[in-house]
Protein backbone atom coordinates (compact mmCIF):
# COMPACT_ATOMS: atom_id res chain seq x y z
CA MET A 1 21.08 28.79 -84.09
CA PRO A 2 17.49 29.38 -82.86
CA ARG A 3 16.30 32.85 -81.93
CA TRP A 4 16.21 31.99 -78.23
CA ALA A 5 19.97 31.46 -78.33
CA ARG A 6 20.47 35.01 -79.62
CA LEU A 7 18.39 36.77 -76.99
CA CYS A 8 21.45 37.22 -74.83
CA CYS A 9 25.00 36.63 -76.01
CA ASN A 10 26.65 37.00 -72.62
CA LEU A 11 25.56 36.47 -69.04
CA THR A 12 24.92 40.10 -68.10
CA TYR A 13 22.52 42.43 -69.87
CA HIS A 14 20.39 45.52 -69.32
CA CYS A 15 16.73 45.00 -68.40
CA SER A 16 14.73 47.83 -69.92
CA LYS A 17 11.70 47.38 -67.67
CA THR A 18 13.54 47.78 -64.37
CA ASP A 19 16.56 49.71 -65.66
CA HIS A 20 18.84 47.18 -63.92
CA LEU A 21 21.54 44.84 -65.08
CA LEU A 22 20.44 41.20 -65.11
CA ARG A 23 23.17 38.73 -64.16
CA LEU A 24 22.89 35.03 -65.00
CA SER A 25 24.53 32.45 -62.77
CA GLU A 26 24.72 28.66 -62.38
CA VAL A 27 24.22 26.80 -59.10
CA ASN A 28 24.85 23.12 -58.54
CA SER A 29 22.34 22.85 -55.72
CA VAL A 30 19.19 24.71 -54.70
CA ASP A 31 20.73 24.79 -51.23
CA GLU A 32 22.98 27.58 -52.52
CA LEU A 33 19.84 29.74 -52.67
CA ASP A 34 17.61 31.13 -49.95
CA PRO A 35 14.54 28.85 -49.62
CA ALA A 36 12.07 31.71 -49.11
CA ASN A 37 13.33 33.56 -52.19
CA TRP A 38 13.15 30.41 -54.32
CA ASN A 39 9.66 29.53 -53.07
CA ARG A 40 8.38 32.99 -53.98
CA LEU A 41 9.26 32.14 -57.58
CA ALA A 42 7.97 28.56 -57.38
CA GLY A 43 4.42 29.49 -56.46
CA ASP A 44 1.94 26.80 -55.45
CA SER A 45 3.56 23.73 -57.02
CA PRO A 46 4.80 21.25 -54.38
CA PHE A 47 7.34 19.84 -56.84
CA LEU A 48 9.03 23.18 -57.46
CA ARG A 49 9.34 24.00 -53.78
CA HIS A 50 12.86 24.39 -52.43
CA GLU A 51 12.11 21.63 -49.92
CA PHE A 52 11.25 19.09 -52.63
CA LEU A 53 14.22 19.80 -54.89
CA SER A 54 16.57 20.01 -51.90
CA ALA A 55 15.38 16.62 -50.65
CA LEU A 56 16.17 15.08 -54.04
CA GLU A 57 19.68 16.50 -53.85
CA GLN A 58 20.43 15.93 -50.17
CA THR A 59 19.32 12.28 -50.19
CA GLY A 60 21.28 11.39 -53.34
CA CYS A 61 18.28 10.77 -55.63
CA VAL A 62 19.94 13.27 -58.00
CA GLY A 63 23.50 14.53 -58.10
CA SER A 64 26.77 12.66 -57.75
CA GLY A 65 26.54 9.03 -58.84
CA THR A 66 23.24 9.54 -60.70
CA THR A 67 22.32 10.54 -64.24
CA TRP A 68 20.70 13.80 -63.01
CA GLN A 69 23.35 16.45 -62.34
CA PRO A 70 21.79 19.69 -61.01
CA ASN A 71 22.94 22.80 -62.85
CA HIS A 72 20.17 25.30 -62.12
CA LEU A 73 20.26 28.72 -63.76
CA VAL A 74 19.31 31.85 -61.84
CA ALA A 75 18.82 35.46 -62.87
CA LEU A 76 19.87 38.13 -60.36
CA ASP A 77 19.53 41.89 -60.46
CA ASP A 78 22.54 44.14 -59.86
CA GLY A 79 21.75 44.08 -56.13
CA GLY A 80 21.86 40.27 -55.99
CA ALA A 81 18.08 39.77 -55.65
CA LEU A 82 16.66 36.65 -57.28
CA LEU A 83 14.52 37.60 -60.30
CA GLY A 84 14.24 34.27 -62.10
CA ALA A 85 15.32 30.66 -62.25
CA LEU A 86 15.32 27.66 -64.57
CA PRO A 87 15.52 24.25 -62.81
CA LEU A 88 18.04 22.47 -65.03
CA TYR A 89 19.90 19.16 -65.09
CA ILE A 90 22.73 17.74 -67.16
CA LYS A 91 21.56 14.26 -68.15
CA SER A 92 23.56 11.22 -69.22
CA ASP A 93 20.52 9.08 -70.06
CA SER A 94 16.77 9.57 -70.51
CA ARG A 95 15.36 7.73 -67.50
CA GLY A 96 12.86 9.34 -65.20
CA GLU A 97 11.73 11.99 -67.69
CA PHE A 98 8.41 10.58 -69.05
CA VAL A 99 8.84 12.38 -72.38
CA PHE A 100 10.50 9.69 -74.40
CA ASP A 101 13.42 10.43 -76.70
CA TRP A 102 15.16 7.04 -76.79
CA GLY A 103 14.57 6.88 -80.55
CA TRP A 104 16.32 10.22 -81.01
CA ALA A 105 19.27 8.96 -79.00
CA HIS A 106 19.42 5.82 -81.14
CA ALA A 107 19.39 7.90 -84.34
CA TYR A 108 22.31 9.96 -83.03
CA GLU A 109 24.21 6.78 -82.19
CA GLN A 110 23.61 5.36 -85.67
CA ALA A 111 24.97 8.60 -87.15
CA GLY A 112 28.10 8.33 -85.03
CA LEU A 113 27.12 11.28 -82.82
CA ALA A 114 26.85 11.50 -79.04
CA TYR A 115 23.36 12.25 -77.73
CA TYR A 116 24.53 12.56 -74.13
CA PRO A 117 25.10 14.80 -72.31
CA LYS A 118 21.91 16.74 -72.85
CA LEU A 119 20.18 19.50 -70.87
CA VAL A 120 16.78 18.91 -69.32
CA SER A 121 14.59 21.40 -67.48
CA ALA A 122 12.17 19.28 -65.46
CA VAL A 123 11.37 18.04 -61.99
CA PRO A 124 13.12 14.65 -61.79
CA PHE A 125 10.80 11.63 -61.89
CA THR A 126 7.75 13.91 -61.92
CA PRO A 127 5.59 14.13 -65.08
CA VAL A 128 3.49 17.02 -63.78
CA THR A 129 2.85 20.23 -65.71
CA GLY A 130 4.20 23.31 -63.97
CA GLN A 131 6.27 26.44 -64.42
CA ARG A 132 9.78 25.92 -65.69
CA LEU A 133 10.69 29.55 -66.37
CA LEU A 134 10.34 30.92 -62.84
CA VAL A 135 10.14 34.72 -62.94
CA ALA A 136 9.39 37.17 -60.12
CA GLU A 137 6.11 39.08 -60.43
CA HIS A 138 7.83 42.46 -60.62
CA ALA A 139 10.33 41.36 -63.29
CA SER A 140 9.84 41.36 -67.06
CA PHE A 141 8.90 37.79 -68.01
CA THR A 142 10.00 38.22 -71.62
CA GLU A 143 13.46 39.57 -70.77
CA THR A 144 14.13 37.34 -67.77
CA ALA A 145 12.84 34.13 -69.36
CA GLY A 146 14.67 34.94 -72.59
CA ALA A 147 17.91 35.45 -70.67
CA LEU A 148 17.46 32.11 -68.88
CA LEU A 149 16.95 30.31 -72.20
CA ALA A 150 20.05 32.04 -73.60
CA ALA A 151 22.05 30.97 -70.54
CA ALA A 152 20.93 27.38 -71.12
CA GLN A 153 22.18 27.62 -74.71
CA ALA A 154 25.51 28.99 -73.51
CA LEU A 155 25.82 26.15 -70.99
CA GLY A 156 24.97 23.58 -73.67
CA ASP A 157 27.63 24.99 -75.99
CA ARG A 158 30.21 24.89 -73.21
CA ILE A 159 29.63 21.26 -72.22
CA GLY A 160 28.96 19.98 -75.74
CA ALA A 161 25.34 19.03 -75.06
CA SER A 162 23.46 17.55 -78.01
CA SER A 163 20.17 19.15 -77.10
CA CYS A 164 17.97 21.06 -74.70
CA HIS A 165 14.57 19.81 -73.48
CA ILE A 166 11.97 21.61 -71.36
CA LEU A 167 9.48 19.07 -70.07
CA PHE A 168 5.89 19.67 -68.94
CA PRO A 169 5.88 23.50 -69.11
CA THR A 170 2.63 25.38 -68.75
CA ASP A 171 0.66 26.20 -71.88
CA SER A 172 1.69 29.87 -71.86
CA GLU A 173 5.34 28.91 -71.35
CA GLN A 174 5.37 26.45 -74.22
CA ARG A 175 3.98 29.15 -76.51
CA PHE A 176 6.73 31.55 -75.43
CA ILE A 177 9.42 28.89 -75.83
CA SER A 178 8.03 27.78 -79.20
CA GLU A 179 8.01 31.36 -80.48
CA ALA A 180 11.63 31.64 -79.37
CA GLY A 181 12.59 28.76 -81.69
CA MET A 182 12.33 25.49 -79.75
CA HIS A 183 10.05 22.82 -81.19
CA ARG A 184 6.98 21.85 -79.21
CA ARG A 185 5.84 18.29 -78.61
CA MET A 186 2.30 17.39 -77.68
CA GLY A 187 1.44 14.67 -75.20
CA TYR A 188 -1.52 13.73 -73.03
CA GLN A 189 -2.55 12.52 -69.61
CA PHE A 190 -5.91 11.71 -68.03
CA HIS A 191 -7.11 14.19 -65.39
CA TRP A 192 -10.22 14.53 -63.22
CA THR A 193 -11.93 17.88 -62.67
CA ASN A 194 -14.12 18.70 -59.68
CA GLN A 195 -17.46 20.12 -60.84
CA ASP A 196 -18.39 21.16 -57.30
CA TYR A 197 -19.60 17.68 -56.39
CA ASP A 198 -21.14 17.27 -52.93
CA ASP A 199 -19.87 13.71 -52.61
CA PHE A 200 -18.74 10.70 -54.64
CA ASP A 201 -22.33 9.70 -55.43
CA GLY A 202 -22.89 13.14 -56.89
CA PHE A 203 -19.89 12.57 -59.15
CA LEU A 204 -21.28 9.16 -60.21
CA GLU A 205 -24.54 10.80 -61.29
CA THR A 206 -22.62 12.08 -64.34
CA PHE A 207 -22.00 8.46 -65.46
CA THR A 208 -24.15 6.23 -67.61
CA SER A 209 -26.07 3.61 -65.64
CA ALA A 210 -23.77 0.77 -66.71
CA LYS A 211 -20.57 2.61 -65.82
CA ARG A 212 -22.03 3.78 -62.52
CA LYS A 213 -22.86 0.18 -61.57
CA LYS A 214 -19.34 -0.94 -62.52
CA VAL A 215 -17.66 1.63 -60.27
CA ARG A 216 -19.98 0.85 -57.37
CA ARG A 217 -19.29 -2.85 -57.79
CA GLU A 218 -15.51 -2.22 -57.70
CA ARG A 219 -15.82 -0.12 -54.54
CA ARG A 220 -18.13 -2.67 -52.89
CA ARG A 221 -15.63 -5.48 -53.45
CA ILE A 222 -13.00 -3.58 -51.49
CA ALA A 223 -15.37 -2.74 -48.63
CA GLU A 224 -16.63 -6.33 -48.41
CA ALA A 225 -13.04 -7.57 -48.26
CA GLY A 226 -12.63 -5.61 -45.01
CA ILE A 227 -10.13 -3.10 -46.39
CA ARG A 228 -10.29 0.43 -44.99
CA PHE A 229 -8.43 3.55 -46.04
CA GLU A 230 -6.73 6.42 -44.25
CA HIS A 231 -5.79 9.78 -45.77
CA LEU A 232 -2.68 10.88 -43.89
CA ARG A 233 -0.46 13.95 -43.95
CA GLY A 234 3.21 13.22 -44.37
CA ASP A 235 3.93 13.74 -40.67
CA ALA A 236 1.03 11.56 -39.47
CA LEU A 237 2.61 8.19 -40.31
CA SER A 238 4.53 6.16 -37.76
CA GLU A 239 8.00 4.88 -38.64
CA PRO A 240 6.66 1.30 -39.08
CA ASP A 241 4.00 2.65 -41.44
CA TRP A 242 6.65 4.52 -43.43
CA ASP A 243 8.72 1.32 -43.60
CA ALA A 244 5.70 -0.48 -45.06
CA VAL A 245 4.92 2.37 -47.46
CA PHE A 246 8.46 2.38 -48.79
CA GLU A 247 8.43 -1.41 -49.18
CA PHE A 248 5.20 -1.24 -51.23
CA TYR A 249 6.57 1.60 -53.34
CA SER A 250 9.82 -0.29 -54.00
CA ARG A 251 7.98 -3.48 -54.99
CA THR A 252 6.33 -1.68 -57.91
CA PHE A 253 9.74 -0.86 -59.39
CA LEU A 254 11.45 -4.15 -58.50
CA ARG A 255 8.69 -6.12 -60.26
CA ARG A 256 9.77 -4.30 -63.42
CA GLY A 257 13.40 -5.16 -62.86
CA ARG A 258 14.70 -1.74 -61.80
CA PRO A 259 15.45 0.02 -58.52
CA PRO A 260 13.07 2.74 -57.27
CA TYR A 261 13.77 6.32 -58.27
CA LEU A 262 13.48 7.61 -54.70
CA ASN A 263 15.02 6.28 -51.50
CA ARG A 264 13.71 5.96 -47.96
CA ALA A 265 15.66 9.04 -46.85
CA PHE A 266 13.82 11.19 -49.42
CA PHE A 267 10.42 10.32 -47.96
CA THR A 268 11.70 10.86 -44.44
CA GLN A 269 12.91 14.32 -45.38
CA VAL A 270 9.82 15.55 -47.28
CA SER A 271 7.52 14.19 -44.58
CA ARG A 272 9.39 16.46 -42.18
CA THR A 273 9.99 19.55 -44.34
CA MET A 274 6.76 19.73 -46.36
CA PRO A 275 4.22 17.45 -44.61
CA GLU A 276 1.26 19.59 -45.63
CA ASN A 277 2.00 18.82 -49.30
CA LEU A 278 2.34 15.07 -48.83
CA VAL A 279 -0.82 12.92 -48.83
CA VAL A 280 -0.49 9.20 -48.16
CA ILE A 281 -3.56 7.10 -48.98
CA LEU A 282 -2.95 4.01 -46.88
CA ALA A 283 -5.00 0.80 -47.15
CA ARG A 284 -5.20 -1.47 -44.11
CA TYR A 285 -6.45 -5.03 -43.73
CA GLY A 286 -7.18 -5.25 -40.06
CA LYS A 287 -4.35 -3.28 -38.49
CA ASP A 288 -1.80 -4.09 -41.15
CA PRO A 289 -0.93 -1.82 -44.11
CA ILE A 290 -1.39 -3.65 -47.40
CA ALA A 291 -1.30 -0.93 -50.09
CA VAL A 292 -0.48 2.73 -50.60
CA ALA A 293 -0.93 5.59 -53.05
CA ILE A 294 1.62 8.34 -52.43
CA CYS A 295 0.33 11.74 -53.52
CA PHE A 296 1.31 15.38 -53.29
CA ARG A 297 -1.04 18.33 -53.22
CA SER A 298 -1.17 22.04 -53.87
CA THR A 299 -3.93 24.40 -52.78
CA GLU A 300 -5.99 23.40 -55.81
CA ALA A 301 -4.87 19.98 -57.05
CA LEU A 302 -3.93 16.46 -55.97
CA PHE A 303 -1.12 14.66 -57.80
CA GLY A 304 -0.95 10.88 -57.64
CA ARG A 305 2.67 9.85 -57.85
CA TYR A 306 3.41 6.30 -56.66
CA TRP A 307 1.51 3.13 -55.88
CA GLY A 308 2.42 -0.19 -54.31
CA SER A 309 0.80 -3.14 -52.56
CA LEU A 310 1.57 -6.24 -50.55
CA ALA A 311 -1.55 -8.23 -51.45
CA ASP A 312 -3.61 -8.71 -54.60
CA PHE A 313 -7.27 -7.79 -54.00
CA HIS A 314 -9.70 -7.27 -56.87
CA SER A 315 -10.05 -3.54 -57.72
CA LEU A 316 -7.58 -2.49 -55.00
CA HIS A 317 -5.52 -0.42 -57.45
CA PHE A 318 -8.58 1.43 -58.75
CA GLU A 319 -9.78 2.20 -55.24
CA ALA A 320 -6.41 3.34 -53.86
CA CYS A 321 -5.20 5.30 -56.86
CA TYR A 322 -8.41 6.75 -58.31
CA TYR A 323 -11.53 6.60 -56.15
CA GLN A 324 -9.87 7.50 -52.86
CA GLY A 325 -8.13 10.42 -54.57
CA ILE A 326 -11.45 11.67 -55.95
CA ASP A 327 -12.99 11.33 -52.48
CA TYR A 328 -10.11 13.35 -51.05
CA CYS A 329 -10.47 16.11 -53.66
CA ILE A 330 -14.21 16.42 -53.06
CA SER A 331 -13.82 16.57 -49.28
CA GLU A 332 -10.92 19.06 -49.49
CA GLY A 333 -12.45 21.20 -52.23
CA LEU A 334 -9.56 20.60 -54.66
CA ARG A 335 -10.29 21.43 -58.28
CA ARG A 336 -8.23 18.82 -60.07
CA PHE A 337 -6.78 15.31 -59.66
CA GLU A 338 -3.84 14.24 -61.81
CA PRO A 339 -3.29 10.52 -61.08
CA GLY A 340 -0.18 10.02 -63.23
CA THR A 341 0.75 9.14 -66.80
CA GLN A 342 -1.01 7.02 -69.43
CA GLY A 343 -3.91 4.65 -68.83
CA GLU A 344 -6.99 4.55 -71.08
CA HIS A 345 -8.76 2.61 -68.31
CA LYS A 346 -9.02 5.93 -66.44
CA ILE A 347 -11.61 7.21 -68.94
CA SER A 348 -14.35 4.87 -67.72
CA ARG A 349 -13.63 6.10 -64.19
CA GLY A 350 -14.22 9.77 -64.88
CA PHE A 351 -10.85 11.02 -66.11
CA VAL A 352 -10.54 12.86 -69.43
CA PRO A 353 -7.66 13.29 -71.91
CA THR A 354 -5.69 16.46 -71.16
CA THR A 355 -2.91 17.99 -73.26
CA THR A 356 0.66 18.14 -71.97
CA TRP A 357 3.63 19.82 -73.66
CA SER A 358 7.37 19.75 -73.95
CA ASN A 359 9.88 21.82 -75.96
CA HIS A 360 13.00 20.52 -77.70
CA TRP A 361 15.99 21.72 -79.64
CA LEU A 362 18.85 19.68 -81.14
CA SER A 363 22.21 21.33 -81.72
CA ASP A 364 22.78 19.46 -84.99
CA SER A 365 20.90 21.48 -87.62
CA GLN A 366 20.03 18.48 -89.82
CA PHE A 367 18.65 16.48 -86.92
CA ASP A 368 16.83 19.57 -85.63
CA GLY A 369 15.09 20.04 -88.98
CA ALA A 370 14.09 16.38 -89.07
CA LEU A 371 12.78 16.68 -85.52
CA ARG A 372 10.53 19.59 -86.48
CA GLU A 373 8.88 17.50 -89.20
CA LEU A 374 8.61 14.46 -86.92
CA LEU A 375 6.87 16.40 -84.15
CA GLN A 376 4.42 18.00 -86.58
CA ARG A 377 3.34 14.54 -87.78
CA GLU A 378 3.27 13.22 -84.22
CA GLN A 379 0.97 16.04 -83.09
CA LEU A 380 -1.60 15.08 -85.73
CA GLN A 381 -1.57 11.52 -84.35
CA VAL A 382 -1.96 12.69 -80.75
CA ASP A 383 -4.79 15.04 -81.74
CA ALA A 384 -6.61 12.19 -83.46
CA TYR A 385 -6.05 9.85 -80.49
CA MET A 386 -7.38 12.36 -77.95
């Protein structure tokens, strides 16, 4: 049993910093919690906001009938005030996580063991680094976060989960979780950083001449084709535009032979409840929408999440998903643009490899030991690749 599982043997313990009892509880929906209290813990991340997680639950993207069963853990003081939380899901497959463990599941199956259910702390369908151990500023992070990890272990024991996975935690969190006994796994994405550019041309001045010409040629092709772009808040789209946006988004998934993760009702809800965090980059040919990049934003970063198109124009994907996002960040003074997972082609367009993390623990001691060795070797490969 890892050290993090021994930090708290039951679900109530004494917090030395505040001299209060800390009570751990499970909730099957964020709607059981006060939105303002949750959002105080969630900070600036749009994906951790009560409105985002509630929309996933209320529109059926997670919950009954899906492979994501919400089972969030919360830490309360003896007066019932919310001191901490761990967004947590009971999973019956590994879809929509973006930290791939299908090989681990196959190894369990070959050994005659069940890999599912498992516990996953993540934002569903959202490979974006952010806090997972949400702790109030006035609470002890070490004691509250340790109690939340212990509660996850207790839940896993109770339901017979094979494992616990914390996906895309912050760097400081992964160090805390690793020190508590969960193995860390290194990954990467390609991010853009704003170096106080005055405009897109100022950004291009950092390129070599050949790469600068290539980007300008790609952008010129789109302009000469008569395609124009709009940057719209979530509540600025008409219903016909939202119908088109959802159709484009769905096409991207259907081309790969699977249904989209999110439904039309989800976008309707977040465009109403958190419009300031939703940025829709909409491409029009004449008056008609032909492509979209659906993004979310915080006060300092833009996150590209989904892309789709009706027509096939040369360089349209690069313009909608990368260059328009960079334009938006420069004009809005945002420090960072995270356009999504994978994609070496992003390097020649100004994005650089950036480390991401996850933490893992398998309940079977032999498999857990093998996993430790596997991840150590894997990290050397990722280091060399980056």
